[in-house]
Protein backbone atom coordinates (compact mmCIF):
# COMPACT_ATOMS: atom_id res chain seq x y z
CA MET A 1 25.05 -8.49 2.30
CA LEU A 2 25.44 -10.09 -1.13
CA LYS A 3 22.74 -12.63 -0.33
CA ARG A 4 20.39 -9.85 0.74
CA LEU A 5 20.98 -7.98 -2.52
CA LYS A 6 20.23 -11.13 -4.50
CA ILE A 7 16.96 -11.59 -2.61
CA ILE A 8 15.98 -7.96 -3.22
CA SER A 9 16.90 -8.23 -6.92
CA ALA A 10 14.95 -11.47 -7.33
CA ALA A 11 11.90 -9.98 -5.55
CA SER A 12 12.07 -6.83 -7.69
CA ALA A 13 12.35 -8.87 -10.88
CA ALA A 14 9.39 -11.03 -9.84
CA ALA A 15 7.31 -7.97 -8.99
CA LEU A 16 8.18 -6.37 -12.35
CA LEU A 17 7.28 -9.57 -14.20
CA ILE A 18 3.93 -9.84 -12.39
CA TYR A 19 3.19 -6.14 -13.05
CA THR A 20 4.03 -6.56 -16.75
CA LEU A 21 1.97 -9.73 -17.25
CA THR A 22 -0.97 -8.30 -15.31
CA GLY A 23 -0.97 -5.01 -17.21
CA PHE A 24 -0.50 -6.41 -20.71
CA LEU A 25 -2.32 -9.76 -20.53
CA VAL A 26 -4.58 -10.13 -17.49
CA LEU A 27 -6.13 -6.70 -16.92
CA PRO A 28 -7.46 -5.97 -20.46
CA PRO A 29 -9.88 -8.95 -20.75
CA VAL A 30 -10.94 -8.58 -17.10
CA LEU A 31 -11.59 -4.86 -17.53
CA ARG A 32 -13.49 -5.47 -20.78
CA SER A 33 -15.74 -8.03 -19.09
CA VAL A 34 -16.39 -5.85 -16.03
CA LEU A 35 -17.04 -2.67 -18.03
CA THR A 36 -19.48 -4.26 -20.48
CA LYS A 37 -21.42 -5.89 -17.65
CA ARG A 38 -21.53 -2.84 -15.37
CA LEU A 39 -22.36 -0.39 -18.17
CA THR A 40 -25.10 -2.65 -19.51
CA GLN A 41 -26.68 -2.80 -16.07
CA SER A 42 -26.41 0.91 -15.29
CA LEU A 43 -27.44 2.22 -18.73
CA HIS A 44 -30.13 -0.44 -19.34
CA ARG A 45 -28.70 -0.80 -22.82
CA GLU A 46 -26.55 -3.52 -24.35
CA VAL A 47 -22.91 -2.42 -24.30
CA GLY A 48 -20.12 -4.02 -26.28
CA ILE A 49 -16.36 -3.47 -26.44
CA ASP A 50 -14.33 -5.35 -29.04
CA ARG A 51 -10.95 -4.98 -27.41
CA ILE A 52 -9.05 -3.17 -24.66
CA ARG A 53 -5.30 -2.57 -24.78
CA ILE A 54 -3.26 -1.36 -21.79
CA ASN A 55 0.38 -0.35 -21.53
CA PRO A 56 1.23 -0.41 -17.80
CA PHE A 57 4.53 1.38 -18.33
CA LEU A 58 3.17 4.30 -20.36
CA LEU A 59 -0.13 4.32 -18.42
CA THR A 60 -2.17 4.26 -21.62
CA ALA A 61 -5.47 2.48 -22.18
CA GLU A 62 -7.33 2.11 -25.46
CA ALA A 63 -10.82 0.73 -26.02
CA ARG A 64 -11.71 -0.32 -29.56
CA GLY A 65 -15.13 -0.99 -31.00
CA LEU A 66 -17.34 0.58 -28.31
CA SER A 67 -21.06 0.24 -29.00
CA ILE A 68 -24.14 1.08 -26.92
CA GLN A 69 -27.42 -0.11 -28.34
CA ASP A 70 -30.61 1.94 -28.28
CA ARG A 71 -33.10 0.98 -25.59
CA THR A 72 -36.34 1.88 -27.35
CA GLN A 73 -35.55 0.55 -30.81
CA THR A 74 -33.12 -1.60 -32.72
CA GLY A 75 -29.94 0.16 -33.72
CA THR A 76 -26.95 1.92 -32.25
CA PHE A 77 -27.28 4.74 -29.71
CA ILE A 78 -23.58 5.54 -29.21
CA SER A 79 -20.45 4.07 -30.74
CA ALA A 80 -16.78 4.89 -31.18
CA GLY A 81 -14.02 3.37 -33.27
CA SER A 82 -11.49 3.87 -30.49
CA ILE A 83 -10.96 5.81 -27.26
CA LEU A 84 -7.41 6.42 -26.09
CA VAL A 85 -6.49 7.74 -22.63
CA ASP A 86 -2.92 8.62 -21.70
CA VAL A 87 -2.43 9.23 -17.96
CA GLN A 88 0.58 10.92 -16.40
CA TRP A 89 2.40 9.27 -13.52
CA SER A 90 2.10 12.55 -11.59
CA SER A 91 -1.60 11.77 -11.09
CA LEU A 92 -0.56 9.33 -8.36
CA PHE A 93 1.27 12.02 -6.40
CA LYS A 94 -1.08 14.97 -6.94
CA GLN A 95 -4.18 12.85 -6.19
CA ALA A 96 -5.88 14.31 -9.24
CA PRO A 97 -6.40 12.79 -12.69
CA ILE A 98 -3.88 14.36 -15.05
CA ILE A 99 -4.51 13.20 -18.61
CA ARG A 100 -1.75 13.79 -21.14
CA GLU A 101 -3.96 12.88 -24.10
CA LEU A 102 -7.61 11.96 -24.69
CA LYS A 103 -8.38 10.87 -28.24
CA ILE A 104 -11.75 9.69 -29.55
CA ASP A 105 -11.89 8.42 -33.12
CA ARG A 106 -15.09 8.09 -35.19
CA PRO A 107 -17.65 8.67 -32.41
CA TYR A 108 -21.31 8.35 -33.37
CA LEU A 109 -24.47 9.53 -31.59
CA ASN A 110 -28.03 8.72 -32.64
CA VAL A 111 -30.61 11.01 -31.00
CA VAL A 112 -34.34 10.41 -31.42
CA ARG A 113 -37.06 12.76 -30.19
CA LEU A 114 -40.03 10.49 -29.55
CA ASP A 115 -42.53 13.18 -28.56
CA ARG A 116 -42.50 16.78 -27.37
CA ASP A 117 -40.51 16.19 -24.18
CA THR A 118 -39.15 12.66 -24.54
CA TYR A 119 -35.95 11.51 -26.19
CA ASN A 120 -34.29 8.12 -26.48
CA PHE A 121 -31.95 9.17 -23.64
CA SER A 122 -34.55 10.73 -21.29
CA ASP A 123 -34.29 7.83 -18.83
CA LEU A 124 -30.55 8.49 -18.45
CA ILE A 125 -31.15 12.11 -17.45
CA LYS A 126 -33.69 11.28 -14.76
CA GLY A 127 -31.42 8.77 -13.03
CA ALA A 128 -31.44 8.30 -9.28
CA ASP A 129 -32.10 10.97 -6.69
CA ARG A 130 -28.98 13.00 -6.12
CA LYS A 131 -27.79 13.78 -2.64
CA PRO A 132 -27.34 17.49 -1.91
CA GLN A 133 -23.70 18.47 -2.18
CA ASP A 134 -22.03 19.87 0.89
CA ARG A 135 -20.92 23.43 0.23
CA GLU A 136 -17.59 22.66 1.85
CA ASP A 137 -16.95 19.74 -0.49
CA ARG A 138 -14.35 20.66 -3.09
CA PRO A 139 -14.89 19.47 -6.66
CA LEU A 140 -12.50 16.87 -8.00
CA GLU A 141 -9.48 18.58 -9.49
CA PHE A 142 -8.36 17.46 -12.93
CA SER A 143 -6.18 18.38 -15.86
CA LEU A 144 -6.83 17.32 -19.46
CA ALA A 145 -4.51 18.00 -22.38
CA ASN A 146 -4.61 17.21 -26.10
CA ILE A 147 -8.34 16.42 -26.28
CA GLN A 148 -9.08 15.30 -29.83
CA ILE A 149 -12.29 14.11 -31.47
CA SER A 150 -12.12 13.19 -35.15
CA GLY A 151 -14.49 11.76 -37.71
CA GLY A 152 -17.55 12.27 -35.51
CA ARG A 153 -21.14 11.81 -36.66
CA VAL A 154 -24.52 12.72 -35.15
CA ASP A 155 -28.00 11.83 -36.40
CA PHE A 156 -31.03 13.59 -34.91
CA ASP A 157 -34.42 12.12 -35.81
CA ASP A 158 -37.10 14.64 -34.79
CA ARG A 159 -40.14 12.45 -35.22
CA PRO A 160 -42.88 14.84 -33.99
CA VAL A 161 -42.08 17.29 -36.81
CA HIS A 162 -40.81 14.68 -39.27
CA LYS A 163 -37.36 16.21 -39.66
CA VAL A 164 -33.98 14.52 -39.71
CA HIS A 165 -30.79 16.47 -38.96
CA SER A 166 -27.26 15.22 -39.42
CA ALA A 167 -23.76 16.34 -38.57
CA ARG A 168 -20.77 14.85 -40.32
CA ASP A 169 -16.98 15.22 -40.20
CA ILE A 170 -17.13 16.48 -36.62
CA ALA A 171 -13.72 17.50 -35.29
CA LEU A 172 -13.00 18.99 -31.87
CA ALA A 173 -9.63 19.98 -30.43
CA ILE A 174 -8.99 21.36 -26.95
CA PRO A 175 -5.28 21.81 -26.20
CA PHE A 176 -5.71 22.11 -22.44
CA ILE A 177 -8.37 22.42 -19.74
CA SER A 178 -8.01 22.21 -15.96
CA ASN A 179 -9.72 23.31 -12.75
CA ILE A 180 -6.53 23.04 -10.68
CA PRO A 181 -6.13 26.47 -9.00
CA THR A 182 -2.74 27.03 -10.65
CA TYR A 183 -4.33 26.82 -14.10
CA VAL A 184 -7.81 28.40 -13.75
CA ASP A 185 -6.57 31.67 -15.30
CA VAL A 186 -5.11 29.89 -18.33
CA PHE A 187 -7.25 30.31 -21.43
CA VAL A 188 -8.92 27.20 -22.83
CA GLN A 189 -8.86 27.47 -26.63
CA PRO A 190 -11.32 25.02 -28.22
CA ARG A 191 -11.67 24.53 -31.96
CA PHE A 192 -14.70 22.84 -33.53
CA GLN A 193 -15.79 22.14 -37.07
CA ALA A 194 -18.47 20.03 -38.70
CA VAL A 195 -20.80 19.81 -41.65
CA ILE A 196 -24.32 20.27 -40.23
CA ASN A 197 -27.12 19.49 -42.66
CA ARG A 198 -24.62 19.97 -45.51
CA THR A 199 -23.55 23.38 -44.16
CA PRO A 200 -19.91 23.74 -43.01
CA VAL A 201 -19.64 25.27 -39.54
CA ALA A 202 -16.45 26.28 -37.72
CA LEU A 203 -16.01 27.62 -34.22
CA ALA A 204 -12.98 28.83 -32.30
CA GLY A 205 -12.70 30.64 -29.01
CA ARG A 206 -10.90 31.46 -25.78
CA THR A 207 -12.47 30.94 -22.37
CA LYS A 208 -11.70 30.61 -18.68
CA PRO A 209 -14.50 28.20 -17.64
CA PHE A 210 -13.34 27.80 -14.03
CA ALA A 211 -12.28 31.39 -13.30
CA ASP A 212 -14.62 33.78 -11.48
CA SER A 213 -14.57 36.14 -14.47
CA LEU A 214 -15.71 33.45 -16.97
CA GLU A 215 -13.91 35.56 -19.58
CA THR A 216 -14.87 34.22 -23.01
CA THR A 217 -14.51 35.19 -26.65
CA LEU A 218 -16.01 33.21 -29.52
CA ASP A 219 -15.64 33.24 -33.31
CA LEU A 220 -18.33 31.47 -35.34
CA ASN A 221 -17.91 30.91 -39.05
CA PHE A 222 -20.73 29.62 -41.26
CA LYS A 223 -22.29 30.40 -44.63
CA ASP A 224 -25.71 29.90 -46.24
CA ILE A 225 -27.30 28.54 -43.07
CA ASP A 226 -31.11 28.59 -42.80
CA LEU A 227 -31.62 30.13 -39.35
CA PRO A 228 -35.47 29.94 -39.32
CA TYR A 229 -35.13 26.19 -39.82
CA TYR A 230 -33.57 25.93 -36.34
CA LEU A 231 -35.70 28.48 -34.45
CA ALA A 232 -38.10 25.74 -33.34
CA TYR A 233 -35.31 24.34 -31.13
CA VAL A 234 -34.66 27.57 -29.23
CA PRO A 235 -36.01 27.04 -25.67
CA MET A 236 -37.63 30.49 -25.55
CA GLN A 237 -39.78 32.75 -27.69
CA PRO A 238 -37.58 35.10 -29.75
CA GLY A 239 -38.41 38.81 -29.29
């Protein structure tokens, strides 16, 4: 009996050591190599990641220095200082991704309108032909908490009309969102703020995006904004 316990203890210790070394040392460089290669191939844009850190005990993963280059011109299309994902262990038992925290620091997006209907991301929208979804197929259930975006920036170069728009100091916070049936009637309460073309804009609301009622309230706070300046981007003729 004692010998059997020693064998079990030794096997458990070896398994724990392998799990620790794989999670901390082996998986990060392998995942970085695979992600950069696969994303570059699928997006047809050069993708770079400076570093990936994984904690196999806390189930956290952080990618630092993400950059996606523009396809049609030199420069950056998308970048982020860091992206942190914190997964709960209960995801393994509920067979649904349950994220305890999703944090994106200093994201950047560079949008270019090349002509009337073409943007520097138009090829990504077209993509491959999608197979029709079976009506009986249930969507993937998920739960996301503590969604935080800080220090975001967006540049929009509207070349046909020779206008450049910018958004700075973008911050977004969503405490909780889920399509799991138990939570569909829980209000999602997003908060957003940014400085758009030097005009501070703040938005806060309550919504049930996955409930049948789609109950939603929204508060928008801005001052001294030039509304006619943006009417050209409304996809319909105002009455």
